Protein backbone atom coordinates (compact mmCIF):
# COMPACT_ATOMS: atom_id res chain seq x y z
CA MET A 1 3.47 9.36 4.03
CA ASN A 2 4.18 12.57 5.95
CA GLU A 3 7.78 11.46 6.46
CA PHE A 4 8.10 10.79 2.74
CA GLN A 5 6.79 14.27 1.92
CA HIS A 6 9.19 15.82 4.43
CA ILE A 7 12.17 13.97 2.91
CA MET A 8 11.14 14.99 -0.62
CA ALA A 9 10.71 18.63 0.41
CA ASP A 10 14.24 18.67 1.88
CA LEU A 11 15.67 17.02 -1.23
CA LYS A 12 14.01 19.57 -3.51
CA ASN A 13 15.49 22.34 -1.35
CA ARG A 14 18.89 20.60 -1.65
CA GLN A 15 19.06 19.91 2.06
CA PHE A 16 20.79 16.53 2.01
CA LYS A 17 21.57 14.01 4.75
CA PRO A 18 24.85 12.05 4.66
CA ILE A 19 22.91 8.76 4.91
CA TYR A 20 19.42 7.63 3.87
CA PHE A 21 18.75 4.13 5.17
CA LEU A 22 15.38 3.38 3.56
CA MET A 23 13.65 0.22 4.73
CA GLY A 24 10.28 -1.49 4.98
CA GLU A 25 7.58 -3.28 3.04
CA GLU A 26 6.30 -0.26 1.08
CA THR A 27 8.88 -0.04 -1.69
CA TYR A 28 7.12 2.75 -3.60
CA TYR A 29 8.48 5.45 -1.29
CA ILE A 30 11.94 3.86 -1.20
CA ASP A 31 12.12 3.90 -5.01
CA MET A 32 10.78 7.46 -5.28
CA ILE A 33 13.39 8.87 -2.88
CA THR A 34 16.24 6.86 -4.39
CA ASN A 35 15.37 7.78 -7.98
CA TYR A 36 15.04 11.44 -7.11
CA ILE A 37 18.52 11.46 -5.56
CA ILE A 38 20.01 9.58 -8.53
CA ASP A 39 18.36 11.91 -11.05
CA ASN A 40 18.68 15.30 -9.36
CA VAL A 41 21.57 15.69 -6.91
CA LEU A 42 24.33 15.70 -9.50
CA THR A 43 24.51 17.16 -13.00
CA GLU A 44 25.07 14.75 -15.89
CA GLU A 45 28.71 15.90 -16.06
CA GLU A 46 29.24 15.25 -12.34
CA LYS A 47 27.66 11.78 -12.35
CA GLY A 48 30.51 10.16 -14.31
CA PHE A 49 33.01 10.57 -11.49
CA ASN A 50 30.74 11.01 -8.49
CA GLN A 51 27.86 8.55 -8.69
CA SER A 52 28.14 4.84 -7.85
CA ILE A 53 25.34 2.27 -7.78
CA TYR A 54 25.84 -1.13 -6.16
CA TYR A 55 23.63 -4.16 -5.54
CA GLY A 56 23.54 -6.02 -2.23
CA LYS A 57 24.20 -9.44 -3.78
CA ASP A 58 27.34 -8.23 -5.57
CA VAL A 59 29.05 -6.04 -3.00
CA ASP A 60 30.28 -6.12 0.60
CA ALA A 61 30.26 -3.60 3.46
CA THR A 62 33.98 -2.85 3.06
CA THR A 63 33.57 -1.82 -0.60
CA ILE A 64 30.60 0.41 0.27
CA THR A 65 32.55 2.04 3.11
CA MET A 66 35.56 2.72 0.87
CA ALA A 67 33.32 4.21 -1.81
CA ALA A 68 31.49 6.40 0.71
CA ARG A 69 34.78 7.68 2.18
CA ARG A 70 36.03 8.99 -1.16
CA TYR A 71 35.84 12.71 -1.75
CA PRO A 72 33.95 14.06 -4.77
CA MET A 73 35.82 15.21 -7.87
CA MET A 74 34.93 18.69 -9.15
CA SER A 75 31.60 18.51 -7.35
CA GLN A 76 30.17 19.42 -3.95
CA TYR A 77 28.74 15.91 -3.47
CA GLN A 78 29.16 12.30 -4.48
CA VAL A 79 26.22 9.86 -4.45
CA VAL A 80 26.60 6.20 -3.45
CA VAL A 81 23.51 4.01 -3.80
CA VAL A 82 23.13 0.45 -2.55
CA LYS A 83 20.09 -1.28 -4.03
CA GLU A 84 18.69 -4.56 -2.64
CA ALA A 85 20.75 -4.06 0.52
CA GLN A 86 18.63 -6.72 2.26
CA TYR A 87 20.95 -9.21 0.53
CA LEU A 88 24.12 -7.52 1.77
CA ASP A 89 26.28 -9.84 3.86
CA LYS A 90 27.47 -8.49 7.23
CA ILE A 91 25.53 -5.26 6.89
CA GLU A 92 26.35 -4.46 10.54
CA GLU A 93 29.89 -3.61 9.44
CA LEU A 94 28.51 -0.35 8.02
CA GLN A 95 28.25 0.90 11.62
CA HIS A 96 31.85 2.16 11.44
CA TYR A 97 31.05 4.49 8.55
CA ALA A 98 27.60 5.39 9.92
CA SER A 99 29.15 6.65 13.13
CA ALA A 100 31.28 9.22 11.22
CA PRO A 101 29.89 9.79 7.69
CA LEU A 102 31.27 12.39 5.27
CA ASN A 103 29.02 15.37 4.63
CA SER A 104 30.20 15.39 1.01
CA THR A 105 28.80 11.86 0.45
CA ILE A 106 25.13 11.02 0.11
CA LEU A 107 24.85 7.30 0.89
CA VAL A 108 21.47 5.77 0.00
CA ILE A 109 20.74 2.25 1.22
CA ASN A 110 17.63 0.41 -0.01
CA TYR A 111 16.65 -2.30 2.48
CA LYS A 112 13.40 -3.52 0.98
CA TYR A 113 10.60 -5.76 2.29
CA LYS A 114 12.10 -6.01 5.78
CA THR A 115 13.51 -3.90 8.59
CA LEU A 116 16.90 -3.65 10.22
CA ASP A 117 17.25 -5.28 13.64
CA LYS A 118 16.68 -2.24 15.86
CA ARG A 119 18.44 -3.88 18.81
CA LYS A 120 21.80 -3.87 17.05
CA LYS A 121 24.37 -1.11 16.91
CA LEU A 122 23.94 -0.06 13.27
CA ALA A 123 20.24 0.72 13.78
CA THR A 124 21.03 2.58 17.01
CA ILE A 125 23.62 4.77 15.28
CA LEU A 126 21.36 5.48 12.31
CA LYS A 127 18.45 6.35 14.57
CA LYS A 128 20.61 8.70 16.63
CA ASN A 129 21.67 10.48 13.44
CA LYS A 130 18.08 10.56 12.10
CA ALA A 131 19.23 8.61 9.05
CA ILE A 132 16.88 5.61 9.16
CA PHE A 133 13.40 5.66 7.63
CA GLU A 134 10.81 2.89 7.73
CA PHE A 135 7.95 2.75 5.22
CA LYS A 136 5.07 0.46 6.14
CA LYS A 137 2.33 -0.87 3.90
CA LEU A 138 -0.92 1.04 4.05
CA TYR A 139 -3.85 -0.62 5.75
CA ASP A 140 -6.67 -1.56 3.36
CA ASN A 141 -8.89 1.18 4.77
CA GLN A 142 -6.24 3.83 3.99
CA VAL A 143 -5.82 3.06 0.28
CA SER A 144 -8.90 4.87 -1.02
CA ALA A 145 -7.88 8.11 0.71
CA TRP A 146 -4.31 7.69 -0.57
CA ILE A 147 -5.60 7.39 -4.16
CA THR A 148 -7.68 10.53 -3.69
CA GLY A 149 -4.68 12.43 -2.32
CA TYR A 150 -2.34 11.25 -5.08
CA LEU A 151 -4.76 12.34 -7.80
CA LYS A 152 -5.36 15.69 -6.10
CA GLU A 153 -1.63 16.41 -6.38
CA GLU A 154 -1.97 15.59 -10.08
CA GLY A 155 -4.81 18.09 -10.46
CA LEU A 156 -7.56 15.46 -10.62
CA SER A 157 -10.47 14.48 -8.39
CA ILE A 158 -12.12 11.08 -8.09
CA ASP A 159 -15.54 10.20 -6.76
CA MET A 160 -15.78 8.00 -3.68
CA LYS A 161 -17.15 4.93 -5.44
CA ALA A 162 -14.37 5.06 -8.04
CA SER A 163 -11.56 5.35 -5.47
CA THR A 164 -13.07 2.52 -3.43
CA LEU A 165 -13.36 0.36 -6.55
CA LEU A 166 -9.68 0.90 -7.30
CA ALA A 167 -8.64 0.24 -3.71
CA ASP A 168 -10.74 -2.92 -3.58
CA SER A 169 -9.41 -4.27 -6.86
CA LEU A 170 -5.74 -3.23 -6.73
CA GLY A 171 -4.97 -3.79 -3.05
CA ALA A 172 -2.35 -1.81 -1.11
CA ASP A 173 0.58 -2.10 -3.54
CA LEU A 174 1.25 1.60 -4.20
CA SER A 175 3.58 0.96 -7.14
CA LYS A 176 0.84 -1.05 -8.86
CA ILE A 177 -1.77 1.59 -8.04
CA VAL A 178 0.35 4.44 -9.39
CA LYS A 179 1.07 2.51 -12.58
CA GLU A 180 -2.66 2.00 -13.17
CA LEU A 181 -3.48 5.62 -12.31
CA ASP A 182 -0.81 6.92 -14.67
CA LYS A 183 -2.21 4.75 -17.48
CA LEU A 184 -5.69 6.02 -16.64
CA LYS A 185 -4.58 9.66 -16.82
CA VAL A 186 -3.21 9.11 -20.31
CA ALA A 187 -6.35 7.28 -21.42
CA ILE A 188 -8.86 9.91 -20.24
CA GLY A 189 -6.83 12.85 -21.58
CA ASN A 190 -6.41 16.36 -20.24
CA GLU A 191 -10.05 17.34 -20.66
CA VAL A 192 -11.32 15.14 -17.82
CA LYS A 193 -10.85 16.52 -14.31
CA GLN A 194 -12.92 14.03 -12.29
CA ILE A 195 -12.53 10.27 -12.52
CA THR A 196 -15.70 8.19 -12.31
CA PRO A 197 -16.38 4.43 -12.09
CA GLU A 198 -17.21 4.54 -15.80
CA HIS A 199 -13.69 5.76 -16.61
CA ILE A 200 -12.22 2.92 -14.55
CA GLU A 201 -14.43 0.28 -16.14
CA LYS A 202 -13.66 1.49 -19.66
CA ASN A 203 -9.90 2.03 -19.28
CA ILE A 204 -8.70 -0.34 -16.56
CA GLY A 205 -11.18 -3.16 -17.02
CA LEU A 206 -12.57 -3.20 -13.49
CA SER A 207 -16.33 -3.64 -13.47
CA LYS A 208 -18.20 -0.93 -11.60
CA ASP A 209 -21.08 -3.34 -10.97
CA TYR A 210 -19.34 -6.65 -10.29
CA ASN A 211 -16.69 -6.26 -7.60
CA SER A 212 -16.21 -7.03 -3.91
CA PHE A 213 -17.38 -3.56 -2.90
CA GLU A 214 -20.71 -4.04 -4.71
CA LEU A 215 -21.04 -7.53 -3.21
CA GLN A 216 -20.55 -6.04 0.24
CA LYS A 217 -23.27 -3.46 -0.46
CA ALA A 218 -25.63 -6.22 -1.63
CA LEU A 219 -25.02 -8.18 1.57
CA VAL A 220 -25.44 -5.11 3.76
CA SER A 221 -28.80 -4.32 2.17
CA LYS A 222 -29.76 -8.02 2.06
CA ASP A 223 -30.26 -7.87 -1.70
CA ILE A 224 -30.12 -11.61 -2.38
CA LEU A 225 -30.71 -11.28 -6.14
CA LYS A 226 -27.88 -8.78 -6.63
CA ALA A 227 -25.49 -10.77 -4.43
CA ASN A 228 -26.10 -13.93 -6.46
CA LYS A 229 -25.66 -12.09 -9.76
CA ILE A 230 -22.28 -10.80 -8.58
CA ILE A 231 -20.97 -14.16 -7.34
CA LYS A 232 -22.11 -15.76 -10.61
CA VAL A 233 -19.77 -13.39 -12.44
CA PHE A 234 -17.04 -14.04 -9.85
CA ALA A 235 -17.40 -17.80 -10.36
CA LYS A 236 -16.89 -17.45 -14.13
CA ASN A 237 -13.71 -15.38 -13.65
CA PRO A 238 -12.05 -16.69 -10.45
CA LYS A 239 -8.64 -15.28 -11.42
CA ASP A 240 -10.06 -11.77 -11.67
CA HIS A 241 -12.12 -12.20 -8.49
CA PRO A 242 -10.11 -14.36 -6.06
CA ILE A 243 -12.26 -15.47 -3.17
CA GLN A 244 -9.57 -14.70 -0.59
CA ALA A 245 -9.55 -11.02 -1.65
CA THR A 246 -13.34 -10.91 -1.39
CA ILE A 247 -13.25 -12.54 2.05
CA SER A 248 -10.72 -9.92 3.17
CA VAL A 249 -13.05 -7.09 2.11
CA LEU A 250 -16.06 -8.66 3.83
CA PHE A 251 -14.10 -9.57 6.96
CA ASN A 252 -12.93 -5.97 7.26
CA TYR A 253 -16.52 -4.69 6.99
CA PHE A 254 -18.17 -7.12 9.42
CA SER A 255 -15.34 -6.77 11.95
CA LYS A 256 -15.93 -3.04 11.97
CA LEU A 257 -19.69 -3.57 12.14
CA MET A 258 -19.06 -5.52 15.33
CA VAL A 259 -17.19 -2.53 16.74
CA TYR A 260 -20.03 -0.25 15.64
CA TYR A 261 -22.45 -2.12 17.93
CA TYR A 262 -20.38 -1.20 20.98
CA LEU A 263 -20.09 2.52 20.20
CA THR A 264 -22.10 4.67 22.61
CA ASP A 265 -21.73 7.70 20.35
CA LYS A 266 -23.06 6.73 16.92
CA SER A 267 -22.87 10.20 15.42
CA LYS A 268 -21.51 10.27 11.88
CA GLY A 269 -18.26 11.97 12.85
CA ASN A 270 -17.53 9.67 15.77
CA VAL A 271 -18.31 6.50 13.81
CA ALA A 272 -16.00 7.62 11.00
CA LYS A 273 -13.25 8.36 13.53
CA GLU A 274 -13.61 5.14 15.57
CA LEU A 275 -13.86 2.85 12.53
CA SER A 276 -11.20 4.74 10.54
CA ILE A 277 -13.52 5.16 7.56
CA ASN A 278 -14.62 8.01 5.34
CA PRO A 279 -17.83 9.62 6.66
CA TYR A 280 -19.40 8.76 3.29
CA PHE A 281 -19.49 5.08 4.34
CA VAL A 282 -21.05 5.50 7.78
CA GLN A 283 -24.46 4.86 6.22
CA ASP A 284 -23.31 1.33 5.30
CA TYR A 285 -22.74 0.55 8.96
CA THR A 286 -26.03 2.08 10.05
CA LEU A 287 -27.84 -0.09 7.50
CA GLY A 288 -25.78 -3.16 8.38
CA ALA A 289 -26.68 -2.80 12.06
CA ARG A 290 -30.38 -2.67 11.14
CA ASN A 291 -30.21 -5.76 8.95
CA TYR A 292 -27.89 -7.96 11.04
CA SER A 293 -28.00 -8.59 14.76
CA GLY A 294 -24.79 -8.61 16.79
CA ARG A 295 -25.10 -12.37 17.19
CA LYS A 296 -25.43 -12.80 13.41
CA VAL A 297 -22.38 -10.63 12.80
CA VAL A 298 -20.32 -12.86 15.11
CA SER A 299 -21.60 -15.84 13.12
CA ILE A 300 -20.68 -14.17 9.81
CA ILE A 301 -17.14 -13.48 10.99
CA SER A 302 -16.86 -17.17 11.87
CA ILE A 303 -18.26 -18.12 8.43
CA LEU A 304 -15.68 -15.92 6.69
CA ARG A 305 -12.87 -17.54 8.66
CA GLU A 306 -14.24 -20.97 7.73
CA PHE A 307 -14.28 -20.18 4.01
CA ASP A 308 -10.88 -18.51 4.12
CA MET A 309 -9.53 -21.86 5.34
CA LYS A 310 -11.54 -23.79 2.73
CA SER A 311 -10.24 -21.53 -0.06
CA LYS A 312 -6.72 -22.53 1.02
CA GLY A 313 -7.56 -26.23 0.84
CA PHE A 314 -8.34 -26.97 4.48
CA GLY A 315 -11.51 -29.04 4.85
CA ASN A 316 -12.34 -28.59 1.18
CA VAL A 317 -11.79 -31.67 -0.94
CA SER A 318 -13.45 -30.92 -4.26
CA ALA A 319 -15.48 -27.67 -4.24
CA ASP A 320 -14.39 -25.12 -6.84
CA MET A 321 -14.34 -21.36 -6.20
CA GLY A 322 -17.83 -20.91 -7.65
CA GLU A 323 -19.30 -23.46 -5.27
CA LEU A 324 -17.45 -21.92 -2.33
CA TYR A 325 -18.80 -18.46 -3.22
CA LYS A 326 -22.39 -19.77 -3.38
CA GLU A 327 -22.17 -21.66 -0.11
CA MET A 328 -20.51 -18.76 1.68
CA ILE A 329 -23.03 -16.15 0.54
CA PHE A 330 -25.95 -18.46 1.37
CA LYS A 331 -24.67 -18.95 4.90
CA ILE A 332 -24.11 -15.21 5.38
CA MET A 333 -27.58 -14.21 4.19
CA HIS A 334 -29.64 -16.95 5.84
């Protein structure tokens, strides 16, 4: 994210690079940078002669090179954008242009969902010229903080439970998260400055009481009644509460709880640092360690792996998602 902010700051100061090779699984940043360049580098009058947009499936490296080597007409710059460049045949042929790009051309290459082979010459040249940028997916434990940071830039705050609820329910797809947050901002209006779980439940449709985060809390505190109430709701709406997503949340927690056992320094700050969690959640690990022995945690991790396989059809002939939820939670809590 820091690299993204640095690139955007340079763009806003009109400090342009000849080439932006944008690659990786996190397409949100790739789209943001590309759209900013398309919308802001040239005036509307300049775009007619000096802006070209190609798609990887419909173009070849020779055409891109010829376009990039043109000089702008009545403008300081020309912009050449290649979208979906992961489909571009013989992309390595761009090495000839990359080794001597024109300063008057801004060439933007979107190489989504994958990365360029860093052993080959094109990647070496781009790296040498500081023209290649890789954007990786956030880890699950980074999403809540990202949501908080995004909203802060928008002049809004969000309480911890609300950001965790969003992260748990929406996953790590930043484009999807931003779309939901933008809809939420419109729905709550300008009067509201702090987003709560109630706002999310009312406007996005995510239950503040029946979600994987609340199920985790019920398991941590060994609240059997609450856990069974939650999985009963999950069983009625398996599409909204896929068991694999729930298993992922629980696996993440119990794996970190296992690490917690081995920490010699269990101070709040050190636990938060070692487990890569917000200090607010350290109490969940302290409680979990009181309620589950290390041996039981190892067993739970094994149980979660077992049911992950069953949810994918391995060793599970006829059980539906509701039955799998019940069996899994019973085994975890007993």
